[in-house]
Amino acid sequence: MPTLKSLALALFALTSTSAIAADPLPGSIAASGESIVLSVHAEGAQVYECKAGSDGKLAWSFREPIATLLSDGKTVGRHYAGPNWEHADGSAVAAKTGGNAPGATAADIPWLKLEVTAHRGSGVFTPVTTVQRINTHGGKLDGACDKAGEFRSAPYSAEYVFLKKG
């Protein structure tokens, strides 16, 4: 016979899972009318360069992402400057930012909606029209930079959802 505590935990788990699954994405990155082609986990770094800003002061400026795309713990592709995503089957997409929403904490890079601008090769990414970056953790680099041209990276993880119209 289940105890009151185990019933309470089970009820909490059910309601928590339902609440998480029911939470819609922020409107600025939603892609209504599109269906998922592939969803992957990414582990990597956001690379920054120390540059003089418009005010002449040195500050960290985003340069490029470098990440491995994973599915079920296996490498299925990579993400790099452009931004570009390349699948192990040789298909690839490049995209531009179409919308953003804040990450969960101040240390998390924003969630993004990216509109595909170019396709290469043939494979899983061939029909992709939109890429969403969600559930980000880390990736922001704060603090002063002292030497122009210096590079630093900030580890990050995210989920990338590749969508197609229809």
N, C-alpha and C. Protein backbone atom coordinates (compact mmCIF):
# COMPACT_ATOMS: atom_id res chain seq x y z
N MET A 1 0.85 -1.18 0.00
CA MET A 1 0.00 0.00 0.00
C MET A 1 0.89 1.24 0.00
N PRO A 2 0.68 2.19 -0.94
CA PRO A 2 1.52 3.37 -1.00
C PRO A 2 1.32 4.26 0.23
N THR A 3 2.41 4.89 0.61
CA THR A 3 2.33 5.81 1.74
C THR A 3 1.84 7.16 1.24
N LEU A 4 1.43 8.00 2.17
CA LEU A 4 0.98 9.35 1.82
C LEU A 4 2.11 10.12 1.15
N LYS A 5 3.34 9.93 1.66
CA LYS A 5 4.49 10.63 1.10
C LYS A 5 4.72 10.21 -0.36
N SER A 6 4.66 8.89 -0.66
CA SER A 6 4.89 8.44 -2.03
C SER A 6 3.78 8.92 -2.97
N LEU A 7 2.55 8.96 -2.46
CA LEU A 7 1.45 9.49 -3.28
C LEU A 7 1.65 10.97 -3.57
N ALA A 8 2.08 11.70 -2.56
CA ALA A 8 2.32 13.14 -2.74
C ALA A 8 3.44 13.38 -3.76
N LEU A 9 4.52 12.59 -3.68
CA LEU A 9 5.61 12.72 -4.63
C LEU A 9 5.16 12.37 -6.05
N ALA A 10 4.37 11.31 -6.18
CA ALA A 10 3.86 10.92 -7.50
C ALA A 10 2.97 12.01 -8.08
N LEU A 11 2.09 12.57 -7.26
CA LEU A 11 1.21 13.64 -7.71
C LEU A 11 2.02 14.87 -8.13
N PHE A 12 3.05 15.21 -7.34
CA PHE A 12 3.91 16.34 -7.67
C PHE A 12 4.59 16.11 -9.01
N ALA A 13 5.13 14.90 -9.20
CA ALA A 13 5.83 14.57 -10.45
C ALA A 13 4.90 14.69 -11.65
N LEU A 14 3.68 14.19 -11.51
CA LEU A 14 2.71 14.27 -12.61
C LEU A 14 2.33 15.70 -12.93
N THR A 15 2.05 16.49 -11.90
CA THR A 15 1.64 17.87 -12.16
C THR A 15 2.81 18.70 -12.65
N SER A 16 4.02 18.43 -12.16
CA SER A 16 5.18 19.18 -12.61
C SER A 16 5.48 18.90 -14.06
N THR A 17 5.43 17.63 -14.44
CA THR A 17 5.70 17.25 -15.83
C THR A 17 4.67 17.87 -16.75
N SER A 18 3.42 17.83 -16.36
CA SER A 18 2.37 18.40 -17.20
C SER A 18 2.56 19.90 -17.34
N ALA A 19 2.93 20.57 -16.25
CA ALA A 19 3.11 22.02 -16.30
C ALA A 19 4.27 22.38 -17.23
N ILE A 20 5.36 21.62 -17.15
CA ILE A 20 6.51 21.90 -18.00
C ILE A 20 6.14 21.66 -19.46
N ALA A 21 5.48 20.57 -19.75
CA ALA A 21 5.12 20.24 -21.13
C ALA A 21 4.12 21.23 -21.70
N ALA A 22 3.28 21.80 -20.83
CA ALA A 22 2.23 22.70 -21.30
C ALA A 22 2.74 24.13 -21.49
N ASP A 23 3.91 24.47 -20.93
CA ASP A 23 4.42 25.83 -21.04
C ASP A 23 4.76 26.13 -22.49
N PRO A 24 4.11 27.13 -23.08
CA PRO A 24 4.46 27.49 -24.46
C PRO A 24 5.76 28.28 -24.48
N LEU A 25 6.42 28.28 -25.62
CA LEU A 25 7.62 29.10 -25.78
C LEU A 25 7.20 30.56 -25.83
N PRO A 26 8.10 31.47 -25.46
CA PRO A 26 7.78 32.89 -25.58
C PRO A 26 7.40 33.22 -27.03
N GLY A 27 6.45 34.11 -27.21
CA GLY A 27 5.97 34.47 -28.54
C GLY A 27 7.06 34.91 -29.50
N SER A 28 8.10 35.56 -28.99
CA SER A 28 9.17 36.07 -29.85
C SER A 28 9.99 34.97 -30.51
N ILE A 29 9.91 33.74 -29.98
CA ILE A 29 10.66 32.64 -30.60
C ILE A 29 9.77 31.47 -31.02
N ALA A 30 8.47 31.61 -30.84
CA ALA A 30 7.54 30.55 -31.24
C ALA A 30 7.54 30.41 -32.77
N ALA A 31 7.23 29.21 -33.22
CA ALA A 31 7.18 28.94 -34.67
C ALA A 31 5.88 28.20 -34.97
N SER A 32 4.77 28.91 -34.83
CA SER A 32 3.48 28.25 -35.03
C SER A 32 3.33 27.78 -36.47
N GLY A 33 2.68 26.64 -36.62
CA GLY A 33 2.46 26.07 -37.95
C GLY A 33 3.65 25.30 -38.48
N GLU A 34 4.72 25.19 -37.69
CA GLU A 34 5.90 24.44 -38.14
C GLU A 34 5.99 23.15 -37.34
N SER A 35 6.58 22.12 -37.93
CA SER A 35 6.71 20.84 -37.26
C SER A 35 8.19 20.50 -37.06
N ILE A 36 8.46 19.70 -36.04
CA ILE A 36 9.84 19.37 -35.68
C ILE A 36 10.42 18.34 -36.65
N VAL A 37 11.60 18.65 -37.14
CA VAL A 37 12.37 17.73 -37.98
C VAL A 37 13.35 16.96 -37.08
N LEU A 38 14.02 17.70 -36.17
CA LEU A 38 15.02 17.10 -35.30
C LEU A 38 15.21 18.01 -34.09
N SER A 39 15.41 17.41 -32.93
CA SER A 39 15.73 18.15 -31.72
C SER A 39 16.99 17.53 -31.13
N VAL A 40 18.01 18.34 -30.86
CA VAL A 40 19.29 17.84 -30.35
C VAL A 40 19.75 18.67 -29.16
N HIS A 41 20.64 18.08 -28.38
CA HIS A 41 21.28 18.77 -27.27
C HIS A 41 22.64 19.25 -27.77
N ALA A 42 23.06 20.41 -27.35
CA ALA A 42 24.37 20.95 -27.74
C ALA A 42 25.21 21.22 -26.51
N GLU A 43 26.48 20.88 -26.60
CA GLU A 43 27.47 21.18 -25.57
C GLU A 43 28.63 21.87 -26.26
N GLY A 44 29.04 23.02 -25.73
CA GLY A 44 30.14 23.72 -26.37
C GLY A 44 30.51 24.98 -25.63
N ALA A 45 30.92 25.97 -26.42
CA ALA A 45 31.36 27.24 -25.85
C ALA A 45 30.95 28.39 -26.75
N GLN A 46 30.73 29.52 -26.13
CA GLN A 46 30.54 30.77 -26.84
C GLN A 46 31.89 31.49 -26.74
N VAL A 47 32.45 31.87 -27.87
CA VAL A 47 33.78 32.48 -27.91
C VAL A 47 33.64 34.00 -28.04
N TYR A 48 34.40 34.71 -27.22
CA TYR A 48 34.36 36.17 -27.19
C TYR A 48 35.75 36.73 -27.47
N GLU A 49 35.77 37.95 -28.04
CA GLU A 49 37.02 38.65 -28.32
C GLU A 49 36.99 40.00 -27.61
N CYS A 50 38.14 40.39 -27.07
CA CYS A 50 38.27 41.69 -26.42
C CYS A 50 38.47 42.75 -27.51
N LYS A 51 37.50 43.69 -27.59
CA LYS A 51 37.52 44.73 -28.63
C LYS A 51 37.14 46.07 -28.04
N ALA A 52 37.55 47.13 -28.72
CA ALA A 52 37.14 48.47 -28.33
C ALA A 52 35.72 48.71 -28.84
N GLY A 53 34.85 49.17 -27.95
CA GLY A 53 33.48 49.48 -28.33
C GLY A 53 33.39 50.85 -28.97
N SER A 54 32.18 51.30 -29.30
CA SER A 54 31.99 52.61 -29.92
C SER A 54 32.45 53.73 -29.00
N ASP A 55 32.49 53.45 -27.69
CA ASP A 55 32.96 54.45 -26.73
C ASP A 55 34.47 54.40 -26.53
N GLY A 56 35.15 53.49 -27.27
CA GLY A 56 36.59 53.37 -27.17
C GLY A 56 37.06 52.47 -26.04
N LYS A 57 36.17 52.02 -25.18
CA LYS A 57 36.54 51.17 -24.05
C LYS A 57 36.54 49.70 -24.49
N LEU A 58 37.48 48.95 -23.92
CA LEU A 58 37.56 47.53 -24.23
C LEU A 58 36.42 46.77 -23.55
N ALA A 59 35.84 45.83 -24.31
CA ALA A 59 34.75 45.01 -23.78
C ALA A 59 34.74 43.69 -24.55
N TRP A 60 34.16 42.67 -23.93
CA TRP A 60 34.04 41.38 -24.59
C TRP A 60 32.95 41.46 -25.66
N SER A 61 33.27 41.01 -26.87
CA SER A 61 32.34 41.01 -27.99
C SER A 61 32.18 39.56 -28.48
N PHE A 62 30.94 39.13 -28.65
CA PHE A 62 30.70 37.77 -29.13
C PHE A 62 31.35 37.57 -30.48
N ARG A 63 32.05 36.45 -30.64
CA ARG A 63 32.72 36.13 -31.90
C ARG A 63 32.07 34.95 -32.62
N GLU A 64 31.93 33.80 -31.92
CA GLU A 64 31.38 32.61 -32.58
C GLU A 64 31.04 31.52 -31.57
N PRO A 65 30.10 30.64 -31.97
CA PRO A 65 29.82 29.46 -31.15
C PRO A 65 30.65 28.29 -31.67
N ILE A 66 30.96 27.37 -30.78
CA ILE A 66 31.59 26.10 -31.15
C ILE A 66 30.89 25.05 -30.29
N ALA A 67 30.13 24.15 -30.93
CA ALA A 67 29.39 23.16 -30.15
C ALA A 67 29.24 21.85 -30.90
N THR A 68 29.10 20.80 -30.10
CA THR A 68 28.81 19.47 -30.62
C THR A 68 27.31 19.23 -30.46
N LEU A 69 26.67 18.72 -31.49
CA LEU A 69 25.24 18.38 -31.45
C LEU A 69 25.12 16.90 -31.10
N LEU A 70 24.29 16.63 -30.08
CA LEU A 70 24.17 15.26 -29.57
C LEU A 70 22.73 14.78 -29.58
N SER A 71 22.55 13.50 -29.90
CA SER A 71 21.24 12.85 -29.84
C SER A 71 21.44 11.50 -29.18
N ASP A 72 20.73 11.25 -28.11
CA ASP A 72 20.88 10.01 -27.35
C ASP A 72 22.34 9.77 -26.97
N GLY A 73 23.05 10.86 -26.62
CA GLY A 73 24.44 10.75 -26.17
C GLY A 73 25.45 10.55 -27.28
N LYS A 74 25.00 10.52 -28.54
CA LYS A 74 25.91 10.31 -29.67
C LYS A 74 26.05 11.61 -30.47
N THR A 75 27.25 11.88 -30.95
CA THR A 75 27.50 13.05 -31.78
C THR A 75 26.79 12.89 -33.12
N VAL A 76 25.96 13.88 -33.48
CA VAL A 76 25.25 13.83 -34.76
C VAL A 76 25.57 15.05 -35.63
N GLY A 77 26.39 15.97 -35.11
CA GLY A 77 26.71 17.14 -35.90
C GLY A 77 27.48 18.17 -35.10
N ARG A 78 27.60 19.35 -35.72
CA ARG A 78 28.32 20.45 -35.06
C ARG A 78 27.66 21.78 -35.39
N HIS A 79 27.97 22.75 -34.54
CA HIS A 79 27.44 24.11 -34.68
C HIS A 79 28.64 25.05 -34.61
N TYR A 80 28.68 26.01 -35.53
CA TYR A 80 29.84 26.90 -35.59
C TYR A 80 29.44 28.25 -36.20
N ALA A 81 30.44 29.13 -36.36
CA ALA A 81 30.20 30.50 -36.82
C ALA A 81 29.35 30.54 -38.07
N GLY A 82 28.55 31.56 -38.16
CA GLY A 82 27.69 31.78 -39.31
C GLY A 82 26.38 32.46 -38.92
N PRO A 83 25.57 31.89 -38.08
CA PRO A 83 25.68 30.56 -37.48
C PRO A 83 25.32 29.45 -38.46
N ASN A 84 26.02 28.33 -38.32
CA ASN A 84 25.82 27.14 -39.14
C ASN A 84 25.60 25.93 -38.25
N TRP A 85 24.81 25.00 -38.74
CA TRP A 85 24.61 23.70 -38.11
C TRP A 85 24.85 22.66 -39.20
N GLU A 86 25.68 21.69 -38.93
CA GLU A 86 26.03 20.67 -39.91
C GLU A 86 25.73 19.30 -39.31
N HIS A 87 24.96 18.50 -40.01
CA HIS A 87 24.61 17.15 -39.56
C HIS A 87 25.66 16.17 -40.09
N ALA A 88 25.81 15.05 -39.40
CA ALA A 88 26.77 14.02 -39.81
C ALA A 88 26.47 13.46 -41.20
N ASP A 89 25.22 13.61 -41.68
CA ASP A 89 24.87 13.11 -43.02
C ASP A 89 25.29 14.06 -44.14
N GLY A 90 25.92 15.18 -43.78
CA GLY A 90 26.41 16.13 -44.77
C GLY A 90 25.48 17.30 -45.05
N SER A 91 24.24 17.24 -44.57
CA SER A 91 23.34 18.38 -44.77
C SER A 91 23.67 19.46 -43.75
N ALA A 92 23.42 20.72 -44.13
CA ALA A 92 23.75 21.85 -43.26
C ALA A 92 22.82 23.01 -43.55
N VAL A 93 22.66 23.87 -42.54
CA VAL A 93 21.89 25.11 -42.70
C VAL A 93 22.66 26.26 -42.07
N ALA A 94 22.44 27.43 -42.64
CA ALA A 94 22.90 28.69 -42.05
C ALA A 94 21.65 29.49 -41.76
N ALA A 95 21.72 30.37 -40.77
CA ALA A 95 20.52 31.11 -40.39
C ALA A 95 20.86 32.49 -39.84
N LYS A 96 19.81 33.32 -39.72
CA LYS A 96 19.95 34.64 -39.10
C LYS A 96 18.91 34.75 -38.00
N THR A 97 19.20 35.55 -37.01
CA THR A 97 18.30 35.70 -35.87
C THR A 97 17.02 36.40 -36.28
N GLY A 98 15.89 35.80 -35.86
CA GLY A 98 14.58 36.38 -36.14
C GLY A 98 13.85 36.82 -34.88
N GLY A 99 14.30 36.35 -33.71
CA GLY A 99 13.68 36.72 -32.45
C GLY A 99 14.48 36.16 -31.30
N ASN A 100 14.28 36.74 -30.10
CA ASN A 100 14.98 36.22 -28.93
C ASN A 100 14.15 36.42 -27.68
N ALA A 101 14.52 35.66 -26.66
CA ALA A 101 13.90 35.75 -25.34
C ALA A 101 15.00 35.51 -24.32
N PRO A 102 14.88 36.11 -23.13
CA PRO A 102 15.95 35.95 -22.14
C PRO A 102 16.12 34.50 -21.69
N GLY A 103 17.36 34.15 -21.34
CA GLY A 103 17.64 32.85 -20.73
C GLY A 103 17.05 32.84 -19.33
N ALA A 104 17.11 31.70 -18.67
CA ALA A 104 16.50 31.54 -17.35
C ALA A 104 17.20 32.37 -16.27
N THR A 105 18.53 32.57 -16.41
CA THR A 105 19.28 33.38 -15.44
C THR A 105 20.14 34.39 -16.19
N ALA A 106 20.73 35.31 -15.46
CA ALA A 106 21.59 36.33 -16.06
C ALA A 106 22.84 35.72 -16.70
N ALA A 107 23.22 34.50 -16.30
CA ALA A 107 24.41 33.85 -16.85
C ALA A 107 24.12 33.06 -18.14
N ASP A 108 22.83 32.95 -18.49
CA ASP A 108 22.43 32.15 -19.65
C ASP A 108 22.24 33.02 -20.89
N ILE A 109 22.82 32.56 -22.01
CA ILE A 109 22.60 33.26 -23.27
C ILE A 109 21.11 33.18 -23.63
N PRO A 110 20.63 34.11 -24.45
CA PRO A 110 19.20 34.15 -24.78
C PRO A 110 18.74 32.93 -25.57
N TRP A 111 17.45 32.68 -25.50
CA TRP A 111 16.80 31.71 -26.38
C TRP A 111 16.61 32.44 -27.71
N LEU A 112 16.72 31.72 -28.82
CA LEU A 112 16.63 32.36 -30.14
C LEU A 112 15.69 31.62 -31.07
N LYS A 113 15.15 32.39 -31.99
CA LYS A 113 14.47 31.84 -33.16
C LYS A 113 15.30 32.32 -34.34
N LEU A 114 15.78 31.39 -35.15
CA LEU A 114 16.63 31.72 -36.29
C LEU A 114 15.96 31.28 -37.58
N GLU A 115 16.00 32.14 -38.58
CA GLU A 115 15.39 31.85 -39.88
C GLU A 115 16.48 31.34 -40.81
N VAL A 116 16.27 30.18 -41.39
CA VAL A 116 17.26 29.57 -42.28
C VAL A 116 17.41 30.43 -43.53
N THR A 117 18.68 30.72 -43.88
CA THR A 117 18.98 31.55 -45.05
C THR A 117 19.67 30.76 -46.16
N ALA A 118 20.22 29.58 -45.81
CA ALA A 118 20.93 28.78 -46.82
C ALA A 118 20.95 27.31 -46.40
N HIS A 119 20.92 26.44 -47.41
CA HIS A 119 21.02 24.98 -47.22
C HIS A 119 22.23 24.48 -48.00
N ARG A 120 22.89 23.46 -47.47
CA ARG A 120 23.98 22.78 -48.18
C ARG A 120 23.78 21.28 -48.02
N GLY A 121 24.16 20.53 -49.04
CA GLY A 121 24.06 19.08 -48.97
C GLY A 121 22.62 18.61 -48.96
N SER A 122 22.46 17.31 -48.77
CA SER A 122 21.14 16.70 -48.77
C SER A 122 21.06 15.74 -47.60
N GLY A 123 19.98 15.86 -46.81
CA GLY A 123 19.83 14.98 -45.66
C GLY A 123 18.81 15.52 -44.68
N VAL A 124 19.03 15.26 -43.41
CA VAL A 124 18.08 15.64 -42.36
C VAL A 124 17.74 17.13 -42.38
N PHE A 125 18.72 18.00 -42.61
CA PHE A 125 18.47 19.44 -42.56
C PHE A 125 17.88 20.03 -43.85
N THR A 126 17.71 19.23 -44.89
CA THR A 126 17.22 19.73 -46.17
C THR A 126 15.89 20.50 -46.05
N PRO A 127 14.88 20.00 -45.31
CA PRO A 127 13.61 20.74 -45.25
C PRO A 127 13.55 21.84 -44.18
N VAL A 128 14.60 22.00 -43.38
CA VAL A 128 14.55 22.91 -42.23
C VAL A 128 14.42 24.37 -42.67
N THR A 129 13.46 25.08 -42.04
CA THR A 129 13.23 26.50 -42.32
C THR A 129 13.48 27.39 -41.11
N THR A 130 13.44 26.79 -39.91
CA THR A 130 13.61 27.55 -38.66
C THR A 130 14.41 26.73 -37.67
N VAL A 131 15.25 27.41 -36.89
CA VAL A 131 15.99 26.77 -35.81
C VAL A 131 15.68 27.54 -34.53
N GLN A 132 15.35 26.80 -33.48
CA GLN A 132 15.14 27.42 -32.16
C GLN A 132 16.25 26.97 -31.22
N ARG A 133 16.81 27.93 -30.47
CA ARG A 133 17.76 27.60 -29.40
C ARG A 133 17.02 27.86 -28.10
N ILE A 134 16.82 26.80 -27.32
CA ILE A 134 16.06 26.91 -26.07
C ILE A 134 16.82 26.22 -24.94
N ASN A 135 16.30 26.40 -23.73
CA ASN A 135 16.87 25.75 -22.53
C ASN A 135 18.37 25.97 -22.41
N THR A 136 18.80 27.20 -22.61
CA THR A 136 20.22 27.52 -22.53
C THR A 136 20.71 27.53 -21.09
N HIS A 137 21.96 27.14 -20.94
CA HIS A 137 22.63 27.19 -19.64
C HIS A 137 24.04 27.72 -19.88
N GLY A 138 24.37 28.85 -19.24
CA GLY A 138 25.70 29.43 -19.38
C GLY A 138 25.87 30.15 -20.70
N GLY A 139 27.14 30.37 -21.07
CA GLY A 139 27.47 31.00 -22.34
C GLY A 139 27.76 32.48 -22.30
N LYS A 140 27.37 33.17 -21.21
CA LYS A 140 27.66 34.61 -21.13
C LYS A 140 29.02 34.81 -20.49
N LEU A 141 29.72 35.82 -20.97
CA LEU A 141 31.04 36.15 -20.42
C LEU A 141 30.97 37.58 -19.90
N ASP A 142 31.21 37.72 -18.62
CA ASP A 142 31.20 39.05 -18.00
C ASP A 142 32.59 39.39 -17.51
N GLY A 143 32.75 40.61 -17.10
CA GLY A 143 34.03 41.04 -16.56
C GLY A 143 34.80 41.86 -17.58
N ALA A 144 35.85 42.49 -17.09
CA ALA A 144 36.65 43.38 -17.92
C ALA A 144 37.63 42.59 -18.77
N CYS A 145 37.94 43.16 -19.92
CA CYS A 145 39.02 42.61 -20.73
C CYS A 145 40.08 43.71 -20.81
N ASP A 146 41.33 43.27 -20.76
CA ASP A 146 42.42 44.24 -20.65
C ASP A 146 43.27 44.38 -21.90
N LYS A 147 43.15 43.44 -22.83
CA LYS A 147 44.04 43.44 -23.99
C LYS A 147 43.24 43.17 -25.25
N ALA A 148 43.20 44.15 -26.14
CA ALA A 148 42.49 43.97 -27.41
C ALA A 148 43.05 42.76 -28.14
N GLY A 149 42.16 41.98 -28.74
CA GLY A 149 42.56 40.79 -29.48
C GLY A 149 42.60 39.53 -28.64
N GLU A 150 42.42 39.65 -27.32
CA GLU A 150 42.40 38.47 -26.45
C GLU A 150 41.08 37.72 -26.64
N PHE A 151 41.13 36.39 -26.55
CA PHE A 151 39.94 35.55 -26.69
C PHE A 151 39.66 34.82 -25.40
N ARG A 152 38.37 34.65 -25.12
CA ARG A 152 37.93 33.83 -23.98
C ARG A 152 36.68 33.08 -24.41
N SER A 153 36.45 31.96 -23.77
CA SER A 153 35.24 31.21 -24.07
C SER A 153 34.45 30.97 -22.80
N ALA A 154 33.14 30.85 -22.97
CA ALA A 154 32.23 30.57 -21.86
C ALA A 154 31.46 29.31 -22.21
N PRO A 155 31.60 28.25 -21.41
CA PRO A 155 30.88 27.01 -21.71
C PRO A 155 29.37 27.22 -21.71
N TYR A 156 28.68 26.49 -22.57
CA TYR A 156 27.22 26.57 -22.61
C TYR A 156 26.64 25.25 -23.07
N SER A 157 25.37 25.09 -22.78
CA SER A 157 24.60 23.99 -23.34
C SER A 157 23.25 24.55 -23.74
N ALA A 158 22.61 23.88 -24.67
CA ALA A 158 21.30 24.33 -25.16
C ALA A 158 20.64 23.17 -25.89
N GLU A 159 19.38 23.36 -26.18
CA GLU A 159 18.65 22.45 -27.06
C GLU A 159 18.42 23.22 -28.35
N TYR A 160 18.69 22.57 -29.48
CA TYR A 160 18.39 23.15 -30.79
C TYR A 160 17.26 22.33 -31.40
N VAL A 161 16.20 23.04 -31.80
CA VAL A 161 15.06 22.40 -32.42
C VAL A 161 15.01 22.87 -33.87
N PHE A 162 15.06 21.92 -34.79
CA PHE A 162 15.05 22.21 -36.23
C PHE A 162 13.62 21.94 -36.74
N LEU A 163 13.04 22.96 -37.36
CA LEU A 163 11.63 22.89 -37.78
C LEU A 163 11.47 23.11 -39.27
N LYS A 164 10.34 22.64 -39.79
CA LYS A 164 9.98 22.89 -41.19
C LYS A 164 8.55 23.40 -41.23
N LYS A 165 8.24 24.14 -42.26
CA LYS A 165 6.88 24.66 -42.42
C LYS A 165 5.93 23.49 -42.73
N GLY A 166 4.74 23.56 -42.11
CA GLY A 166 3.73 22.53 -42.39
C GLY A 166 3.73 21.35 -41.46
